[in-house]
Amino acid sequence: MFKGIITDIGTIIDTTIHSNSDQIFHIKTQNLPSINKGNSIACSGVCLTVVDMMSDIFTVQTSQETMKISNLNTWKIGKKINLEQAMRLSDKIDGHLVQGHVDGIVKILTIERNLDSHEIKLSCPQELIKFVAKKGSVTLNGVSLTVNSVINQEFIVNIIPYTWENTTFQYNKINDYLNLEIDMIARLGFIDRVTGISLGVLKGILLSYVLFFAVYLYCYTVYDKEEYGKKEKYSEIKAEDILPNWIINSHSYQALFVTAEEVIDMYVPESLILKIKEIGGEMVDQEKPKNNKKEE
């Protein structure tokens, strides 16, 4: 894990393609103490493992997947990159929690001075912009930044003088591509919202089915048939005879009630339906004397 706080600017001094098609980069550092083999270092936002170390030069190996999803395919000899060593559990989190797992790349559209700071407008892929929120956090080339604004598929960040002078932003120009890592909290928040909406819709559908199932049973077993044509059999009573027109003509009725009726006819044994109707008829018959007494 990292914090998005750059502690050094490294320089690519050599690059080769390994026999298995992985890319090898040799990086010269200026101010990274005690680097050892196996250490994790965020190189312009990409978490890479040190495979070799000699004096102030360390070597990393990157896979084709990393090359494809990040801007590492633009790294040439002389390229300046941001460096940050992995944080310790006891460290303060001055930026925000950064994994070093790049989600994609964004393109610099404009770089404008704003007093002593610089405002950078970037174009973001459609599948990632939903995770970028105003006043939220993003990581660009390993730097933890706050989003100033978001419009369509573009967002703006502000680079203060200290960050500008101590990172590779000072070397960037329009049309450059930067590595983007979405804030993990924003990602989890989005997933939680989607899950919540999905569960809400599912609960609504299930509740509708239960409601229409109850209406179905009421219409065909309990409701007093004598008030609707004095039909001889409870099975002859139709829901359309009882329910108001605004329910019958609704989309929910057509979609759910009819489906519930088909499900009941398909899966509920006929003997059970007849038993329910018999019990419902007895309930109606028991209520009739009480109603008559009240009318007297």
C-alpha atoms as a PDB file:
ATOM      1  CA  MET A   1       0.000   0.000   0.000  1.00  0.00           C
ATOM      2  CA  PHE A   2       1.045   3.586  -0.696  1.00  0.00           C
ATOM      3  CA  LYS A   3      -0.064   7.101   0.230  1.00  0.00           C
ATOM      4  CA  GLY A   4       0.241   8.920  -3.070  1.00  0.00           C
ATOM      5  CA  ILE A   5       2.973  11.168  -1.659  1.00  0.00           C
ATOM      6  CA  ILE A   6       5.985  11.201  -4.012  1.00  0.00           C
ATOM      7  CA  THR A   7       9.380  11.056  -2.293  1.00  0.00           C
ATOM      8  CA  ASP A   8      11.693  10.909  -5.306  1.00  0.00           C
ATOM      9  CA  ILE A   9      11.891  11.369  -9.079  1.00  0.00           C
ATOM     10  CA  GLY A  10      13.627   8.530 -10.888  1.00  0.00           C
ATOM     11  CA  THR A  11      15.116   8.333 -14.376  1.00  0.00           C
ATOM     12  CA  ILE A  12      14.889   5.425 -16.812  1.00  0.00           C
ATOM     13  CA  ILE A  13      18.501   4.671 -17.778  1.00  0.00           C
ATOM     14  CA  ASP A  14      17.950   1.420 -19.697  1.00  0.00           C
ATOM     15  CA  THR A  15      15.137  -0.820 -20.912  1.00  0.00           C
ATOM     16  CA  THR A  16      15.094  -4.278 -22.482  1.00  0.00           C
ATOM     17  CA  ILE A  17      12.533  -6.877 -23.474  1.00  0.00           C
ATOM     18  CA  HIS A  18      12.887 -10.135 -21.559  1.00  0.00           C
ATOM     19  CA  SER A  19      12.779 -13.504 -23.324  1.00  0.00           C
ATOM     20  CA  ASN A  20       9.230 -14.113 -22.019  1.00  0.00           C
ATOM     21  CA  SER A  21       8.126 -10.740 -23.483  1.00  0.00           C
ATOM     22  CA  ASP A  22       8.151  -9.003 -20.096  1.00  0.00           C
ATOM     23  CA  GLN A  23       9.718  -5.542 -20.062  1.00  0.00           C
ATOM     24  CA  ILE A  24      12.783  -4.763 -17.935  1.00  0.00           C
ATOM     25  CA  PHE A  25      13.409  -1.216 -16.681  1.00  0.00           C
ATOM     26  CA  HIS A  26      16.544   0.049 -14.919  1.00  0.00           C
ATOM     27  CA  ILE A  27      15.735   3.103 -12.820  1.00  0.00           C
ATOM     28  CA  LYS A  28      18.188   5.542 -11.233  1.00  0.00           C
ATOM     29  CA  THR A  29      17.062   7.123  -7.972  1.00  0.00           C
ATOM     30  CA  GLN A  30      18.093  10.268  -6.132  1.00  0.00           C
ATOM     31  CA  ASN A  31      16.572  10.000  -2.680  1.00  0.00           C
ATOM     32  CA  LEU A  32      15.223   6.498  -1.942  1.00  0.00           C
ATOM     33  CA  PRO A  33      17.014   4.958   1.055  1.00  0.00           C
ATOM     34  CA  SER A  34      17.477   1.261   1.824  1.00  0.00           C
ATOM     35  CA  ILE A  35      16.021  -0.396  -1.272  1.00  0.00           C
ATOM     36  CA  ASN A  36      16.274  -4.199  -1.278  1.00  0.00           C
ATOM     37  CA  LYS A  37      15.289  -7.005  -3.618  1.00  0.00           C
ATOM     38  CA  GLY A  38      11.641  -7.887  -3.204  1.00  0.00           C
ATOM     39  CA  ASN A  39      10.608  -4.382  -2.129  1.00  0.00           C
ATOM     40  CA  SER A  40       7.522  -2.819  -3.684  1.00  0.00           C
ATOM     41  CA  ILE A  41       7.928   0.612  -5.241  1.00  0.00           C
ATOM     42  CA  ALA A  42       5.200   2.676  -6.896  1.00  0.00           C
ATOM     43  CA  CYS A  43       6.672   3.834 -10.223  1.00  0.00           C
ATOM     44  CA  SER A  44       4.409   6.607 -11.545  1.00  0.00           C
ATOM     45  CA  GLY A  45       1.552   4.889  -9.753  1.00  0.00           C
ATOM     46  CA  VAL A  46       2.320   1.298 -10.801  1.00  0.00           C
ATOM     47  CA  CYS A  47       3.307  -1.051  -7.979  1.00  0.00           C
ATOM     48  CA  LEU A  48       6.427  -2.904  -9.165  1.00  0.00           C
ATOM     49  CA  THR A  49       8.743  -5.351  -7.416  1.00  0.00           C
ATOM     50  CA  VAL A  50      12.486  -4.733  -7.232  1.00  0.00           C
ATOM     51  CA  VAL A  51      14.188  -7.715  -8.876  1.00  0.00           C
ATOM     52  CA  ASP A  52      17.743  -6.346  -8.710  1.00  0.00           C
ATOM     53  CA  MET A  53      19.591  -3.534  -6.964  1.00  0.00           C
ATOM     54  CA  MET A  54      23.010  -1.972  -7.553  1.00  0.00           C
ATOM     55  CA  SER A  55      24.031   1.222  -5.776  1.00  0.00           C
ATOM     56  CA  ASP A  56      21.404   3.859  -6.673  1.00  0.00           C
ATOM     57  CA  ILE A  57      19.916   1.872  -9.571  1.00  0.00           C
ATOM     58  CA  PHE A  58      17.140  -0.694  -9.163  1.00  0.00           C
ATOM     59  CA  THR A  59      15.559  -3.011 -11.716  1.00  0.00           C
ATOM     60  CA  VAL A  60      11.901  -3.890 -12.155  1.00  0.00           C
ATOM     61  CA  GLN A  61      10.113  -6.350 -14.428  1.00  0.00           C
ATOM     62  CA  THR A  62       6.653  -5.647 -15.866  1.00  0.00           C
ATOM     63  CA  SER A  63       4.153  -7.985 -17.526  1.00  0.00           C
ATOM     64  CA  GLN A  64       2.344  -7.418 -20.797  1.00  0.00           C
ATOM     65  CA  GLU A  65      -0.895  -6.798 -18.879  1.00  0.00           C
ATOM     66  CA  THR A  66       0.740  -3.945 -16.968  1.00  0.00           C
ATOM     67  CA  MET A  67       2.175  -2.513 -20.169  1.00  0.00           C
ATOM     68  CA  LYS A  68      -1.228  -2.664 -21.835  1.00  0.00           C
ATOM     69  CA  ILE A  69      -3.275  -0.960 -19.105  1.00  0.00           C
ATOM     70  CA  SER A  70      -0.773   1.751 -18.091  1.00  0.00           C
ATOM     71  CA  ASN A  71       1.474   4.335 -19.764  1.00  0.00           C
ATOM     72  CA  LEU A  72       4.624   2.232 -19.268  1.00  0.00           C
ATOM     73  CA  ASN A  73       4.757   1.622 -23.013  1.00  0.00           C
ATOM     74  CA  THR A  74       5.818   5.287 -23.346  1.00  0.00           C
ATOM     75  CA  TRP A  75       8.797   4.883 -21.015  1.00  0.00           C
ATOM     76  CA  LYS A  76      12.027   5.507 -22.881  1.00  0.00           C
ATOM     77  CA  ILE A  77      15.602   6.110 -21.768  1.00  0.00           C
ATOM     78  CA  GLY A  78      15.735   9.477 -20.013  1.00  0.00           C
ATOM     79  CA  LYS A  79      12.055   9.381 -18.966  1.00  0.00           C
ATOM     80  CA  LYS A  80      11.352  10.898 -15.524  1.00  0.00           C
ATOM     81  CA  ILE A  81       8.984   8.942 -13.253  1.00  0.00           C
ATOM     82  CA  ASN A  82       7.487   9.449  -9.792  1.00  0.00           C
ATOM     83  CA  LEU A  83       8.709   7.085  -7.067  1.00  0.00           C
ATOM     84  CA  GLU A  84       7.226   6.123  -3.706  1.00  0.00           C
ATOM     85  CA  GLN A  85       8.233   3.299  -1.383  1.00  0.00           C
ATOM     86  CA  ALA A  86       5.567   1.141   0.245  1.00  0.00           C
ATOM     87  CA  MET A  87       4.179   2.575   3.464  1.00  0.00           C
ATOM     88  CA  ARG A  88       4.540   1.037   6.915  1.00  0.00           C
ATOM     89  CA  LEU A  89       1.562   0.302   9.144  1.00  0.00           C
ATOM     90  CA  SER A  90       2.834   2.946  11.565  1.00  0.00           C
ATOM     91  CA  ASP A  91       3.045   5.685   8.892  1.00  0.00           C
ATOM     92  CA  LYS A  92       0.686   8.635   8.730  1.00  0.00           C
ATOM     93  CA  ILE A  93      -1.606   8.626   5.694  1.00  0.00           C
ATOM     94  CA  ASP A  94      -0.886  12.084   4.318  1.00  0.00           C
ATOM     95  CA  GLY A  95      -2.637  11.466   0.979  1.00  0.00           C
ATOM     96  CA  HIS A  96      -5.083   8.565   0.660  1.00  0.00           C
ATOM     97  CA  LEU A  97      -4.775   4.786   0.481  1.00  0.00           C
ATOM     98  CA  VAL A  98      -3.271   3.809  -2.876  1.00  0.00           C
ATOM     99  CA  GLN A  99      -2.858   0.208  -4.033  1.00  0.00           C
ATOM    100  CA  GLY A 100      -0.618   0.788  -7.019  1.00  0.00           C
ATOM    101  CA  HIS A 101      -3.093  -1.051  -9.244  1.00  0.00           C
ATOM    102  CA  VAL A 102      -3.652   1.229 -12.232  1.00  0.00           C
ATOM    103  CA  ASP A 103      -7.211   1.187 -13.620  1.00  0.00           C
ATOM    104  CA  GLY A 104      -6.416   2.904 -16.908  1.00  0.00           C
ATOM    105  CA  ILE A 105      -4.919   6.017 -18.464  1.00  0.00           C
ATOM    106  CA  VAL A 106      -6.245   9.566 -18.871  1.00  0.00           C
ATOM    107  CA  LYS A 107      -5.240  12.161 -21.462  1.00  0.00           C
ATOM    108  CA  ILE A 108      -4.138  15.717 -20.638  1.00  0.00           C
ATOM    109  CA  LEU A 109      -6.378  18.169 -22.503  1.00  0.00           C
ATOM    110  CA  THR A 110      -5.174  21.480 -21.053  1.00  0.00           C
ATOM    111  CA  ILE A 111      -2.615  22.818 -18.568  1.00  0.00           C
ATOM    112  CA  GLU A 112      -3.382  26.327 -17.307  1.00  0.00           C
ATOM    113  CA  ARG A 113      -1.808  28.559 -14.683  1.00  0.00           C
ATOM    114  CA  ASN A 114      -4.071  29.592 -11.819  1.00  0.00           C
ATOM    115  CA  LEU A 115      -2.068  32.095  -9.755  1.00  0.00           C
ATOM    116  CA  ASP A 116       0.887  29.998  -8.505  1.00  0.00           C
ATOM    117  CA  SER A 117      -0.838  26.670  -9.154  1.00  0.00           C
ATOM    118  CA  HIS A 118      -1.591  24.722 -12.318  1.00  0.00           C
ATOM    119  CA  GLU A 119      -4.985  23.366 -13.344  1.00  0.00           C
ATOM    120  CA  ILE A 120      -4.925  20.222 -15.477  1.00  0.00           C
ATOM    121  CA  LYS A 121      -7.989  19.090 -17.401  1.00  0.00           C
ATOM    122  CA  LEU A 122      -8.078  15.400 -18.306  1.00  0.00           C
ATOM    123  CA  SER A 123     -10.191  13.140 -20.490  1.00  0.00           C
ATOM    124  CA  CYS A 124     -11.247   9.948 -18.727  1.00  0.00           C
ATOM    125  CA  PRO A 125     -12.521   6.640 -20.200  1.00  0.00           C
ATOM    126  CA  GLN A 126     -16.285   6.235 -19.934  1.00  0.00           C
ATOM    127  CA  GLU A 127     -16.035   3.095 -17.803  1.00  0.00           C
ATOM    128  CA  LEU A 128     -13.958   4.925 -15.165  1.00  0.00           C
ATOM    129  CA  ILE A 129     -15.498   8.419 -15.013  1.00  0.00           C
ATOM    130  CA  LYS A 130     -18.375   7.118 -12.845  1.00  0.00           C
ATOM    131  CA  PHE A 131     -15.859   6.583 -10.040  1.00  0.00           C
ATOM    132  CA  VAL A 132     -14.509  10.154 -10.245  1.00  0.00           C
ATOM    133  CA  ALA A 133     -16.394  12.590  -7.999  1.00  0.00           C
ATOM    134  CA  LYS A 134     -16.014  16.274  -7.238  1.00  0.00           C
ATOM    135  CA  LYS A 135     -13.894  16.700  -4.073  1.00  0.00           C
ATOM    136  CA  GLY A 136     -13.076  12.998  -4.230  1.00  0.00           C
ATOM    137  CA  SER A 137      -9.585  11.514  -4.496  1.00  0.00           C
ATOM    138  CA  VAL A 138      -7.748  10.124  -7.522  1.00  0.00           C
ATOM    139  CA  THR A 139      -4.178   9.006  -8.113  1.00  0.00           C
ATOM    140  CA  LEU A 140      -2.455  10.376 -11.233  1.00  0.00           C
ATOM    141  CA  ASN A 141       0.995   8.948 -11.998  1.00  0.00           C
ATOM    142  CA  GLY A 142       1.176   7.968  -8.342  1.00  0.00           C
ATOM    143  CA  VAL A 143       0.235  11.392  -6.947  1.00  0.00           C
ATOM    144  CA  SER A 144      -2.741  11.671  -4.582  1.00  0.00           C
ATOM    145  CA  LEU A 145      -4.942  14.548  -5.792  1.00  0.00           C
ATOM    146  CA  THR A 146      -8.366  16.043  -5.123  1.00  0.00           C
ATOM    147  CA  VAL A 147     -10.817  16.439  -7.992  1.00  0.00           C
ATOM    148  CA  ASN A 148     -11.943  20.048  -8.520  1.00  0.00           C
ATOM    149  CA  SER A 149     -14.788  19.376 -10.937  1.00  0.00           C
ATOM    150  CA  VAL A 150     -16.270  16.727 -13.221  1.00  0.00           C
ATOM    151  CA  ILE A 151     -18.100  17.455 -16.489  1.00  0.00           C
ATOM    152  CA  ASN A 152     -19.170  14.593 -18.733  1.00  0.00           C
ATOM    153  CA  GLN A 153     -15.997  12.518 -19.292  1.00  0.00           C
ATOM    154  CA  GLU A 154     -13.588  15.249 -18.190  1.00  0.00           C
ATOM    155  CA  PHE A 155     -12.290  16.249 -14.785  1.00  0.00           C
ATOM    156  CA  ILE A 156      -9.934  18.918 -13.437  1.00  0.00           C
ATOM    157  CA  VAL A 157      -7.268  18.719 -10.732  1.00  0.00           C
ATOM    158  CA  ASN A 158      -5.206  21.501  -9.201  1.00  0.00           C
ATOM    159  CA  ILE A 159      -1.438  21.119  -8.718  1.00  0.00           C
ATOM    160  CA  ILE A 160       0.026  23.350  -6.027  1.00  0.00           C
ATOM    161  CA  PRO A 161       3.598  24.704  -6.493  1.00  0.00           C
ATOM    162  CA  TYR A 162       5.218  22.206  -4.097  1.00  0.00           C
ATOM    163  CA  THR A 163       3.634  19.205  -5.886  1.00  0.00           C
ATOM    164  CA  TRP A 164       4.490  20.689  -9.290  1.00  0.00           C
ATOM    165  CA  GLU A 165       8.151  21.121  -8.394  1.00  0.00           C
ATOM    166  CA  ASN A 166       8.582  17.742  -6.674  1.00  0.00           C
ATOM    167  CA  THR A 167       6.816  15.473  -9.151  1.00  0.00           C
ATOM    168  CA  THR A 168       6.937  14.812 -12.888  1.00  0.00           C
ATOM    169  CA  PHE A 169       3.983  17.142 -13.527  1.00  0.00           C
ATOM    170  CA  GLN A 170       6.578  19.804 -14.323  1.00  0.00           C
ATOM    171  CA  TYR A 171       7.598  17.739 -17.373  1.00  0.00           C
ATOM    172  CA  ASN A 172       4.093  16.959 -18.643  1.00  0.00           C
ATOM    173  CA  LYS A 173       2.514  18.564 -21.694  1.00  0.00           C
ATOM    174  CA  ILE A 174      -0.832  18.485 -23.514  1.00  0.00           C
ATOM    175  CA  ASN A 175      -1.753  15.059 -24.997  1.00  0.00           C
ATOM    176  CA  ASP A 176       0.425  13.176 -22.500  1.00  0.00           C
ATOM    177  CA  TYR A 177      -1.167  10.135 -20.866  1.00  0.00           C
ATOM    178  CA  LEU A 178      -1.170   9.652 -17.094  1.00  0.00           C
ATOM    179  CA  ASN A 179      -1.817   6.517 -15.055  1.00  0.00           C
ATOM    180  CA  LEU A 180      -5.136   6.664 -13.191  1.00  0.00           C
ATOM    181  CA  GLU A 181      -6.058   4.727 -10.069  1.00  0.00           C
ATOM    182  CA  ILE A 182      -9.556   5.141  -8.691  1.00  0.00           C
ATOM    183  CA  ASP A 183      -9.980   5.746  -4.967  1.00  0.00           C
ATOM    184  CA  MET A 184     -10.924   2.380  -3.452  1.00  0.00           C
ATOM    185  CA  ILE A 185     -13.537   4.058  -1.231  1.00  0.00           C
ATOM    186  CA  ALA A 186     -15.241   5.533  -4.316  1.00  0.00           C
ATOM    187  CA  ARG A 187     -15.182   2.115  -5.968  1.00  0.00           C
ATOM    188  CA  LEU A 188     -16.704   0.383  -2.944  1.00  0.00           C
ATOM    189  CA  GLY A 189     -19.264   3.177  -2.571  1.00  0.00           C
ATOM    190  CA  PHE A 190     -20.372   2.747  -6.169  1.00  0.00           C
ATOM    191  CA  ILE A 191     -20.657  -1.019  -5.772  1.00  0.00           C
ATOM    192  CA  ASP A 192     -22.656  -0.493  -2.555  1.00  0.00           C
ATOM    193  CA  ARG A 193     -25.056   1.890  -4.325  1.00  0.00           C
ATOM    194  CA  VAL A 194     -25.562  -0.517  -7.217  1.00  0.00           C
ATOM    195  CA  THR A 195     -26.091  -3.411  -4.801  1.00  0.00           C
ATOM    196  CA  GLY A 196     -28.555  -1.349  -2.752  1.00  0.00           C
ATOM    197  CA  ILE A 197     -30.568  -0.369  -5.823  1.00  0.00           C
ATOM    198  CA  SER A 198     -30.611  -3.955  -7.081  1.00  0.00           C
ATOM    199  CA  LEU A 199     -31.776  -5.286  -3.719  1.00  0.00           C
ATOM    200  CA  GLY A 200     -34.437  -2.572  -3.538  1.00  0.00           C
ATOM    201  CA  VAL A 201     -35.801  -3.509  -6.963  1.00  0.00           C
ATOM    202  CA  LEU A 202     -35.736  -7.204  -6.050  1.00  0.00           C
ATOM    203  CA  LYS A 203     -37.601  -6.541  -2.798  1.00  0.00           C
ATOM    204  CA  GLY A 204     -40.175  -4.524  -4.699  1.00  0.00           C
ATOM    205  CA  ILE A 205     -40.745  -7.325  -7.196  1.00  0.00           C
ATOM    206  CA  LEU A 206     -41.047  -9.954  -4.454  1.00  0.00           C
ATOM    207  CA  LEU A 207     -43.442  -7.750  -2.483  1.00  0.00           C
ATOM    208  CA  SER A 208     -45.552  -7.247  -5.604  1.00  0.00           C
ATOM    209  CA  TYR A 209     -45.744 -10.986  -6.164  1.00  0.00           C
ATOM    210  CA  VAL A 210     -46.795 -11.550  -2.546  1.00  0.00           C
ATOM    211  CA  LEU A 211     -49.416  -8.789  -2.806  1.00  0.00           C
ATOM    212  CA  PHE A 212     -50.914 -10.113  -6.020  1.00  0.00           C
ATOM    213  CA  PHE A 213     -50.837 -13.656  -4.678  1.00  0.00           C
ATOM    214  CA  ALA A 214     -52.854 -12.440  -1.675  1.00  0.00           C
ATOM    215  CA  VAL A 215     -55.299 -10.644  -3.991  1.00  0.00           C
ATOM    216  CA  TYR A 216     -55.575 -13.804  -6.058  1.00  0.00           C
ATOM    217  CA  LEU A 217     -56.504 -15.905  -3.041  1.00  0.00           C
ATOM    218  CA  TYR A 218     -58.930 -13.262  -1.794  1.00  0.00           C
ATOM    219  CA  CYS A 219     -60.713 -12.994  -5.139  1.00  0.00           C
ATOM    220  CA  TYR A 220     -61.112 -16.722  -5.600  1.00  0.00           C
ATOM    221  CA  THR A 221     -61.802 -17.964  -2.080  1.00  0.00           C
ATOM    222  CA  VAL A 222     -62.977 -15.386   0.465  1.00  0.00           C
ATOM    223  CA  TYR A 223     -64.914 -12.648  -1.340  1.00  0.00           C
ATOM    224  CA  ASP A 224     -68.686 -13.038  -1.152  1.00  0.00           C
ATOM    225  CA  LYS A 225     -69.699 -14.333  -4.562  1.00  0.00           C
ATOM    226  CA  GLU A 226     -73.400 -13.470  -4.067  1.00  0.00           C
ATOM    227  CA  GLU A 227     -72.727  -9.752  -4.554  1.00  0.00           C
ATOM    228  CA  TYR A 228     -71.396 -10.469  -8.057  1.00  0.00           C
ATOM    229  CA  GLY A 229     -74.037 -12.259 -10.055  1.00  0.00           C
ATOM    230  CA  LYS A 230     -74.789 -14.938  -7.479  1.00  0.00           C
ATOM    231  CA  LYS A 231     -72.415 -17.340  -9.200  1.00  0.00           C
ATOM    232  CA  GLU A 232     -72.664 -20.915  -7.994  1.00  0.00           C
ATOM    233  CA  LYS A 233     -68.949 -21.655  -7.799  1.00  0.00           C
ATOM    234  CA  TYR A 234     -66.203 -19.639  -6.179  1.00  0.00           C
ATOM    235  CA  SER A 235     -63.957 -20.519  -9.112  1.00  0.00           C
ATOM    236  CA  GLU A 236     -66.275 -18.487 -11.361  1.00  0.00           C
ATOM    237  CA  ILE A 237     -65.416 -15.241  -9.588  1.00  0.00           C
ATOM    238  CA  LYS A 238     -62.933 -13.194 -11.596  1.00  0.00           C
ATOM    239  CA  ALA A 239     -60.520 -10.585 -10.291  1.00  0.00           C
ATOM    240  CA  GLU A 240     -61.884  -8.121 -12.865  1.00  0.00           C
ATOM    241  CA  ASP A 241     -65.286  -8.364 -11.100  1.00  0.00           C
ATOM    242  CA  ILE A 242     -63.821  -7.066  -7.856  1.00  0.00           C
ATOM    243  CA  LEU A 243     -60.788  -4.876  -8.486  1.00  0.00           C
ATOM    244  CA  PRO A 244     -61.126  -1.229  -9.585  1.00  0.00           C
ATOM    245  CA  ASN A 245     -60.298  -0.345 -13.193  1.00  0.00           C
ATOM    246  CA  TRP A 246     -57.159   1.636 -12.313  1.00  0.00           C
ATOM    247  CA  ILE A 247     -55.591  -1.561 -10.939  1.00  0.00           C
ATOM    248  CA  ILE A 248     -56.811  -3.809 -13.746  1.00  0.00           C
ATOM    249  CA  ASN A 249     -55.469  -1.419 -16.408  1.00  0.00           C
ATOM    250  CA  SER A 250     -52.103  -0.903 -14.695  1.00  0.00           C
ATOM    251  CA  HIS A 251     -48.877  -2.342 -16.058  1.00  0.00           C
ATOM    252  CA  SER A 252     -48.145  -3.994 -12.696  1.00  0.00           C
ATOM    253  CA  TYR A 253     -51.443  -5.889 -12.815  1.00  0.00           C
ATOM    254  CA  GLN A 254     -50.856  -7.140 -16.336  1.00  0.00           C
ATOM    255  CA  ALA A 255     -47.224  -8.087 -15.641  1.00  0.00           C
ATOM    256  CA  LEU A 256     -47.451  -9.508 -12.127  1.00  0.00           C
ATOM    257  CA  PHE A 257     -51.011 -10.628 -11.441  1.00  0.00           C
ATOM    258  CA  VAL A 258     -51.266 -12.640 -14.636  1.00  0.00           C
ATOM    259  CA  THR A 259     -47.839 -14.141 -13.966  1.00  0.00           C
ATOM    260  CA  ALA A 260     -48.831 -15.019 -10.399  1.00  0.00           C
ATOM    261  CA  GLU A 261     -51.956 -16.709 -11.678  1.00  0.00           C
ATOM    262  CA  GLU A 262     -49.934 -18.760 -14.143  1.00  0.00           C
ATOM    263  CA  VAL A 263     -47.409 -19.713 -11.454  1.00  0.00           C
ATOM    264  CA  ILE A 264     -50.162 -20.815  -9.090  1.00  0.00           C
ATOM    265  CA  ASP A 265     -51.881 -22.865 -11.770  1.00  0.00           C
ATOM    266  CA  MET A 266     -48.573 -24.459 -12.709  1.00  0.00           C
ATOM    267  CA  TYR A 267     -47.019 -25.262  -9.314  1.00  0.00           C
ATOM    268  CA  VAL A 268     -49.811 -25.320  -6.711  1.00  0.00           C
ATOM    269  CA  PRO A 269     -51.656 -28.677  -6.643  1.00  0.00           C
ATOM    270  CA  GLU A 270     -55.310 -28.440  -7.661  1.00  0.00           C
ATOM    271  CA  SER A 271     -56.308 -30.310  -4.504  1.00  0.00           C
ATOM    272  CA  LEU A 272     -54.696 -27.586  -2.384  1.00  0.00           C
ATOM    273  CA  ILE A 273     -56.482 -24.827  -4.313  1.00  0.00           C
ATOM    274  CA  LEU A 274     -59.822 -26.608  -3.831  1.00  0.00           C
ATOM    275  CA  LYS A 275     -59.117 -26.982  -0.104  1.00  0.00           C
ATOM    276  CA  ILE A 276     -58.326 -23.264   0.174  1.00  0.00           C
ATOM    277  CA  LYS A 277     -61.567 -22.429  -1.649  1.00  0.00           C
ATOM    278  CA  GLU A 278     -63.495 -24.733   0.674  1.00  0.00           C
ATOM    279  CA  ILE A 279     -62.035 -23.056   3.761  1.00  0.00           C
ATOM    280  CA  GLY A 280     -62.696 -19.630   2.235  1.00  0.00           C
ATOM    281  CA  GLY A 281     -66.320 -20.571   1.562  1.00  0.00           C
ATOM    282  CA  GLU A 282     -66.760 -21.683   5.171  1.00  0.00           C
ATOM    283  CA  MET A 283     -65.310 -18.370   6.378  1.00  0.00           C
ATOM    284  CA  VAL A 284     -67.793 -16.443   4.248  1.00  0.00           C
ATOM    285  CA  ASP A 285     -70.715 -18.541   5.491  1.00  0.00           C
ATOM    286  CA  GLN A 286     -69.680 -17.953   9.117  1.00  0.00           C
ATOM    287  CA  GLU A 287     -69.596 -14.184   8.587  1.00  0.00           C
ATOM    288  CA  LYS A 288     -73.057 -13.925   7.078  1.00  0.00           C
ATOM    289  CA  PRO A 289     -75.105 -14.272  10.339  1.00  0.00           C
ATOM    290  CA  LYS A 290     -72.933 -11.638  12.030  1.00  0.00           C
ATOM    291  CA  ASN A 291     -73.490  -9.211   9.171  1.00  0.00           C
ATOM    292  CA  ASN A 292     -77.249  -9.830   9.248  1.00  0.00           C
ATOM    293  CA  LYS A 293     -77.424  -9.092  12.974  1.00  0.00           C
ATOM    294  CA  LYS A 294     -75.583  -5.834  12.502  1.00  0.00           C
ATOM    295  CA  GLU A 295     -78.051  -4.775   9.777  1.00  0.00           C
ATOM    296  CA  GLU A 296     -80.990  -5.473  12.137  1.00  0.00           C
END
